[in-house]
Amino acid sequence: MPNGLEITKAAIDDFKKIQRYMAIAKEENASKTYAELKREYASLKAILQVAGVNMTDIDEIKE
């Protein structure tokens, strides 16, 4: 069973990946894709904030 640190690292990795996909979707003007990715982004951001992760350096989208 993963510990808290492993779970947080996985969430940070997912958060970074979602942000990359959001940037691509925005660049390609794929608004439906961007909107769906934004939902995932918001969920992951909330989890990371509750876990006490400092979002200043890792949040490139800032929405």
PDB file of N, CA and C in Angstrom:
ATOM      1  N   MET A   1       0.853  -1.185   0.000  1.00  0.00           N
ATOM      2  CA  MET A   1       0.000   0.000   0.000  1.00  0.00           C
ATOM      3  C   MET A   1       0.893   1.241   0.000  1.00  0.00           C
ATOM      4  N   PRO A   2       0.604   2.195  -0.901  1.00  0.00           N
ATOM      5  CA  PRO A   2       1.443   3.402  -0.984  1.00  0.00           C
ATOM      6  C   PRO A   2       1.272   4.294   0.249  1.00  0.00           C
ATOM      7  N   ASN A   3       2.359   4.954   0.615  1.00  0.00           N
ATOM      8  CA  ASN A   3       2.272   5.886   1.739  1.00  0.00           C
ATOM      9  C   ASN A   3       1.884   7.277   1.235  1.00  0.00           C
ATOM     10  N   GLY A   4       1.730   8.214   2.148  1.00  0.00           N
ATOM     11  CA  GLY A   4       1.290   9.559   1.801  1.00  0.00           C
ATOM     12  C   GLY A   4       2.209  10.276   0.832  1.00  0.00           C
ATOM     13  N   LEU A   5       3.506  10.072   0.997  1.00  0.00           N
ATOM     14  CA  LEU A   5       4.475  10.722   0.119  1.00  0.00           C
ATOM     15  C   LEU A   5       4.364  10.189  -1.308  1.00  0.00           C
ATOM     16  N   GLU A   6       4.186   8.883  -1.449  1.00  0.00           N
ATOM     17  CA  GLU A   6       4.031   8.290  -2.779  1.00  0.00           C
ATOM     18  C   GLU A   6       2.750   8.769  -3.459  1.00  0.00           C
ATOM     19  N   ILE A   7       1.700   8.900  -2.693  1.00  0.00           N
ATOM     20  CA  ILE A   7       0.420   9.388  -3.234  1.00  0.00           C
ATOM     21  C   ILE A   7       0.564  10.838  -3.674  1.00  0.00           C
ATOM     22  N   THR A   8       1.222  11.661  -2.853  1.00  0.00           N
ATOM     23  CA  THR A   8       1.425  13.069  -3.195  1.00  0.00           C
ATOM     24  C   THR A   8       2.290  13.210  -4.439  1.00  0.00           C
ATOM     25  N   LYS A   9       3.347  12.416  -4.542  1.00  0.00           N
ATOM     26  CA  LYS A   9       4.203  12.467  -5.723  1.00  0.00           C
ATOM     27  C   LYS A   9       3.422  12.098  -6.980  1.00  0.00           C
ATOM     28  N   ALA A  10       2.591  11.075  -6.887  1.00  0.00           N
ATOM     29  CA  ALA A  10       1.777  10.667  -8.037  1.00  0.00           C
ATOM     30  C   ALA A  10       0.815  11.781  -8.433  1.00  0.00           C
ATOM     31  N   ALA A  11       0.219  12.451  -7.441  1.00  0.00           N
ATOM     32  CA  ALA A  11      -0.697  13.556  -7.733  1.00  0.00           C
ATOM     33  C   ALA A  11       0.038  14.728  -8.387  1.00  0.00           C
ATOM     34  N   ILE A  12       1.241  15.022  -7.922  1.00  0.00           N
ATOM     35  CA  ILE A  12       2.037  16.101  -8.522  1.00  0.00           C
ATOM     36  C   ILE A  12       2.390  15.745  -9.964  1.00  0.00           C
ATOM     37  N   ASP A  13       2.794  14.510 -10.196  1.00  0.00           N
ATOM     38  CA  ASP A  13       3.111  14.076 -11.559  1.00  0.00           C
ATOM     39  C   ASP A  13       1.892  14.198 -12.468  1.00  0.00           C
ATOM     40  N   ASP A  14       0.733  13.777 -11.974  1.00  0.00           N
ATOM     41  CA  ASP A  14      -0.511  13.896 -12.757  1.00  0.00           C
ATOM     42  C   ASP A  14      -0.856  15.358 -13.013  1.00  0.00           C
ATOM     43  N   PHE A  15      -0.646  16.202 -12.013  1.00  0.00           N
ATOM     44  CA  PHE A  15      -0.936  17.629 -12.134  1.00  0.00           C
ATOM     45  C   PHE A  15      -0.080  18.261 -13.227  1.00  0.00           C
ATOM     46  N   LYS A  16       1.204  17.930 -13.232  1.00  0.00           N
ATOM     47  CA  LYS A  16       2.099  18.456 -14.264  1.00  0.00           C
ATOM     48  C   LYS A  16       1.683  17.974 -15.645  1.00  0.00           C
ATOM     49  N   LYS A  17       1.300  16.706 -15.745  1.00  0.00           N
ATOM     50  CA  LYS A  17       0.886  16.136 -17.026  1.00  0.00           C
ATOM     51  C   LYS A  17      -0.389  16.817 -17.536  1.00  0.00           C
ATOM     52  N   ILE A  18      -1.350  17.029 -16.667  1.00  0.00           N
ATOM     53  CA  ILE A  18      -2.599  17.698 -17.053  1.00  0.00           C
ATOM     54  C   ILE A  18      -2.305  19.108 -17.544  1.00  0.00           C
ATOM     55  N   GLN A  19      -1.395  19.807 -16.880  1.00  0.00           N
ATOM     56  CA  GLN A  19      -1.051  21.162 -17.307  1.00  0.00           C
ATOM     57  C   GLN A  19      -0.434  21.173 -18.708  1.00  0.00           C
ATOM     58  N   ARG A  20       0.412  20.186 -19.006  1.00  0.00           N
ATOM     59  CA  ARG A  20       0.996  20.098 -20.357  1.00  0.00           C
ATOM     60  C   ARG A  20      -0.101  19.878 -21.389  1.00  0.00           C
ATOM     61  N   TYR A  21      -1.031  18.973 -21.077  1.00  0.00           N
ATOM     62  CA  TYR A  21      -2.123  18.693 -22.005  1.00  0.00           C
ATOM     63  C   TYR A  21      -3.032  19.913 -22.172  1.00  0.00           C
ATOM     64  N   MET A  22      -3.249  20.663 -21.096  1.00  0.00           N
ATOM     65  CA  MET A  22      -4.068  21.873 -21.183  1.00  0.00           C
ATOM     66  C   MET A  22      -3.413  22.897 -22.108  1.00  0.00           C
ATOM     67  N   ALA A  23      -2.101  23.044 -22.004  1.00  0.00           N
ATOM     68  CA  ALA A  23      -1.382  23.996 -22.859  1.00  0.00           C
ATOM     69  C   ALA A  23      -1.517  23.594 -24.323  1.00  0.00           C
ATOM     70  N   ILE A  24      -1.407  22.300 -24.600  1.00  0.00           N
ATOM     71  CA  ILE A  24      -1.552  21.816 -25.976  1.00  0.00           C
ATOM     72  C   ILE A  24      -2.972  22.043 -26.479  1.00  0.00           C
ATOM     73  N   ALA A  25      -3.958  21.718 -25.658  1.00  0.00           N
ATOM     74  CA  ALA A  25      -5.360  21.885 -26.054  1.00  0.00           C
ATOM     75  C   ALA A  25      -5.673  23.353 -26.311  1.00  0.00           C
ATOM     76  N   LYS A  26      -5.137  24.238 -25.489  1.00  0.00           N
ATOM     77  CA  LYS A  26      -5.367  25.669 -25.676  1.00  0.00           C
ATOM     78  C   LYS A  26      -4.724  26.147 -26.973  1.00  0.00           C
ATOM     79  N   GLU A  27      -3.518  25.665 -27.237  1.00  0.00           N
ATOM     80  CA  GLU A  27      -2.791  26.024 -28.449  1.00  0.00           C
ATOM     81  C   GLU A  27      -3.553  25.569 -29.703  1.00  0.00           C
ATOM     82  N   GLU A  28      -4.154  24.395 -29.624  1.00  0.00           N
ATOM     83  CA  GLU A  28      -4.884  23.832 -30.765  1.00  0.00           C
ATOM     84  C   GLU A  28      -6.336  24.298 -30.811  1.00  0.00           C
ATOM     85  N   ASN A  29      -6.712  25.157 -29.871  1.00  0.00           N
ATOM     86  CA  ASN A  29      -8.072  25.673 -29.773  1.00  0.00           C
ATOM     87  C   ASN A  29      -9.095  24.540 -29.632  1.00  0.00           C
ATOM     88  N   ALA A  30      -8.745  23.557 -28.834  1.00  0.00           N
ATOM     89  CA  ALA A  30      -9.627  22.417 -28.569  1.00  0.00           C
ATOM     90  C   ALA A  30     -10.384  22.694 -27.275  1.00  0.00           C
ATOM     91  N   SER A  31     -11.422  23.507 -27.362  1.00  0.00           N
ATOM     92  CA  SER A  31     -12.102  24.000 -26.163  1.00  0.00           C
ATOM     93  C   SER A  31     -12.783  22.902 -25.353  1.00  0.00           C
ATOM     94  N   LYS A  32     -13.344  21.898 -25.991  1.00  0.00           N
ATOM     95  CA  LYS A  32     -13.982  20.808 -25.236  1.00  0.00           C
ATOM     96  C   LYS A  32     -12.938  20.004 -24.470  1.00  0.00           C
ATOM     97  N   THR A  33     -11.833  19.730 -25.124  1.00  0.00           N
ATOM     98  CA  THR A  33     -10.747  19.005 -24.467  1.00  0.00           C
ATOM     99  C   THR A  33     -10.189  19.827 -23.315  1.00  0.00           C
ATOM    100  N   TYR A  34      -9.987  21.114 -23.550  1.00  0.00           N
ATOM    101  CA  TYR A  34      -9.458  21.999 -22.516  1.00  0.00           C
ATOM    102  C   TYR A  34     -10.398  22.022 -21.308  1.00  0.00           C
ATOM    103  N   ALA A  35     -11.699  22.109 -21.553  1.00  0.00           N
ATOM    104  CA  ALA A  35     -12.670  22.162 -20.463  1.00  0.00           C
ATOM    105  C   ALA A  35     -12.626  20.886 -19.617  1.00  0.00           C
ATOM    106  N   GLU A  36     -12.499  19.745 -20.269  1.00  0.00           N
ATOM    107  CA  GLU A  36     -12.429  18.483 -19.533  1.00  0.00           C
ATOM    108  C   GLU A  36     -11.131  18.390 -18.739  1.00  0.00           C
ATOM    109  N   LEU A  37     -10.038  18.798 -19.345  1.00  0.00           N
ATOM    110  CA  LEU A  37      -8.761  18.806 -18.636  1.00  0.00           C
ATOM    111  C   LEU A  37      -8.794  19.775 -17.461  1.00  0.00           C
ATOM    112  N   LYS A  38      -9.498  20.873 -17.613  1.00  0.00           N
ATOM    113  CA  LYS A  38      -9.601  21.863 -16.532  1.00  0.00           C
ATOM    114  C   LYS A  38     -10.309  21.269 -15.313  1.00  0.00           C
ATOM    115  N   ARG A  39     -11.287  20.400 -15.562  1.00  0.00           N
ATOM    116  CA  ARG A  39     -11.973  19.722 -14.445  1.00  0.00           C
ATOM    117  C   ARG A  39     -10.984  18.852 -13.675  1.00  0.00           C
ATOM    118  N   GLU A  40     -10.165  18.103 -14.400  1.00  0.00           N
ATOM    119  CA  GLU A  40      -9.147  17.265 -13.760  1.00  0.00           C
ATOM    120  C   GLU A  40      -8.120  18.121 -13.021  1.00  0.00           C
ATOM    121  N   TYR A  41      -7.726  19.215 -13.664  1.00  0.00           N
ATOM    122  CA  TYR A  41      -6.767  20.155 -13.080  1.00  0.00           C
ATOM    123  C   TYR A  41      -7.288  20.679 -11.743  1.00  0.00           C
ATOM    124  N   ALA A  42      -8.548  21.092 -11.714  1.00  0.00           N
ATOM    125  CA  ALA A  42      -9.134  21.651 -10.491  1.00  0.00           C
ATOM    126  C   ALA A  42      -9.171  20.609  -9.373  1.00  0.00           C
ATOM    127  N   SER A  43      -9.507  19.385  -9.710  1.00  0.00           N
ATOM    128  CA  SER A  43      -9.552  18.319  -8.699  1.00  0.00           C
ATOM    129  C   SER A  43      -8.172  18.030  -8.132  1.00  0.00           C
ATOM    130  N   LEU A  44      -7.201  17.883  -9.021  1.00  0.00           N
ATOM    131  CA  LEU A  44      -5.842  17.612  -8.560  1.00  0.00           C
ATOM    132  C   LEU A  44      -5.283  18.779  -7.747  1.00  0.00           C
ATOM    133  N   LYS A  45      -5.583  19.987  -8.172  1.00  0.00           N
ATOM    134  CA  LYS A  45      -5.106  21.168  -7.450  1.00  0.00           C
ATOM    135  C   LYS A  45      -5.681  21.193  -6.034  1.00  0.00           C
ATOM    136  N   ALA A  46      -6.948  20.875  -5.907  1.00  0.00           N
ATOM    137  CA  ALA A  46      -7.580  20.852  -4.588  1.00  0.00           C
ATOM    138  C   ALA A  46      -6.936  19.794  -3.686  1.00  0.00           C
ATOM    139  N   ILE A  47      -6.693  18.618  -4.243  1.00  0.00           N
ATOM    140  CA  ILE A  47      -6.061  17.546  -3.466  1.00  0.00           C
ATOM    141  C   ILE A  47      -4.675  17.964  -3.004  1.00  0.00           C
ATOM    142  N   LEU A  48      -3.907  18.544  -3.910  1.00  0.00           N
ATOM    143  CA  LEU A  48      -2.551  18.963  -3.560  1.00  0.00           C
ATOM    144  C   LEU A  48      -2.548  20.078  -2.521  1.00  0.00           C
ATOM    145  N   GLN A  49      -3.491  20.988  -2.604  1.00  0.00           N
ATOM    146  CA  GLN A  49      -3.561  22.067  -1.622  1.00  0.00           C
ATOM    147  C   GLN A  49      -3.917  21.510  -0.244  1.00  0.00           C
ATOM    148  N   VAL A  50      -4.849  20.570  -0.197  1.00  0.00           N
ATOM    149  CA  VAL A  50      -5.217  19.947   1.079  1.00  0.00           C
ATOM    150  C   VAL A  50      -4.022  19.181   1.659  1.00  0.00           C
ATOM    151  N   ALA A  51      -3.210  18.594   0.773  1.00  0.00           N
ATOM    152  CA  ALA A  51      -2.025  17.851   1.215  1.00  0.00           C
ATOM    153  C   ALA A  51      -0.900  18.781   1.656  1.00  0.00           C
ATOM    154  N   GLY A  52      -1.084  20.083   1.469  1.00  0.00           N
ATOM    155  CA  GLY A  52      -0.092  21.049   1.924  1.00  0.00           C
ATOM    156  C   GLY A  52       1.030  21.318   0.935  1.00  0.00           C
ATOM    157  N   VAL A  53       0.813  20.965  -0.330  1.00  0.00           N
ATOM    158  CA  VAL A  53       1.830  21.189  -1.353  1.00  0.00           C
ATOM    159  C   VAL A  53       1.837  22.669  -1.734  1.00  0.00           C
ATOM    160  N   ASN A  54       3.017  23.266  -1.779  1.00  0.00           N
ATOM    161  CA  ASN A  54       3.164  24.651  -2.206  1.00  0.00           C
ATOM    162  C   ASN A  54       2.989  24.692  -3.724  1.00  0.00           C
ATOM    163  N   MET A  55       1.934  25.327  -4.186  1.00  0.00           N
ATOM    164  CA  MET A  55       1.581  25.325  -5.597  1.00  0.00           C
ATOM    165  C   MET A  55       2.314  26.411  -6.396  1.00  0.00           C
ATOM    166  N   THR A  56       2.998  27.310  -5.724  1.00  0.00           N
ATOM    167  CA  THR A  56       3.624  28.460  -6.380  1.00  0.00           C
ATOM    168  C   THR A  56       4.507  28.064  -7.560  1.00  0.00           C
ATOM    169  N   ASP A  57       5.346  27.086  -7.374  1.00  0.00           N
ATOM    170  CA  ASP A  57       6.303  26.723  -8.416  1.00  0.00           C
ATOM    171  C   ASP A  57       5.764  25.731  -9.440  1.00  0.00           C
ATOM    172  N   ILE A  58       4.760  24.956  -9.078  1.00  0.00           N
ATOM    173  CA  ILE A  58       4.314  23.909 -10.002  1.00  0.00           C
ATOM    174  C   ILE A  58       3.055  24.264 -10.783  1.00  0.00           C
ATOM    175  N   ASP A  59       2.335  25.290 -10.358  1.00  0.00           N
ATOM    176  CA  ASP A  59       1.094  25.653 -11.062  1.00  0.00           C
ATOM    177  C   ASP A  59       1.401  26.653 -12.166  1.00  0.00           C
ATOM    178  N   GLU A  60       1.503  26.143 -13.387  1.00  0.00           N
ATOM    179  CA  GLU A  60       1.808  26.995 -14.537  1.00  0.00           C
ATOM    180  C   GLU A  60       0.544  27.617 -15.136  1.00  0.00           C
ATOM    181  N   ILE A  61      -0.591  27.006 -14.951  1.00  0.00           N
ATOM    182  CA  ILE A  61      -1.842  27.477 -15.540  1.00  0.00           C
ATOM    183  C   ILE A  61      -2.442  28.605 -14.704  1.00  0.00           C
ATOM    184  N   LYS A  62      -2.442  28.447 -13.402  1.00  0.00           N
ATOM    185  CA  LYS A  62      -2.941  29.448 -12.438  1.00  0.00           C
ATOM    186  C   LYS A  62      -4.391  29.857 -12.691  1.00  0.00           C
ATOM    187  N   GLU A  63      -5.244  28.858 -12.833  1.00  0.00           N
ATOM    188  CA  GLU A  63      -6.681  29.140 -12.982  1.00  0.00           C
ATOM    189  C   GLU A  63      -7.414  28.703 -11.744  1.00  0.00           C
TER     190      GLU A  63
END
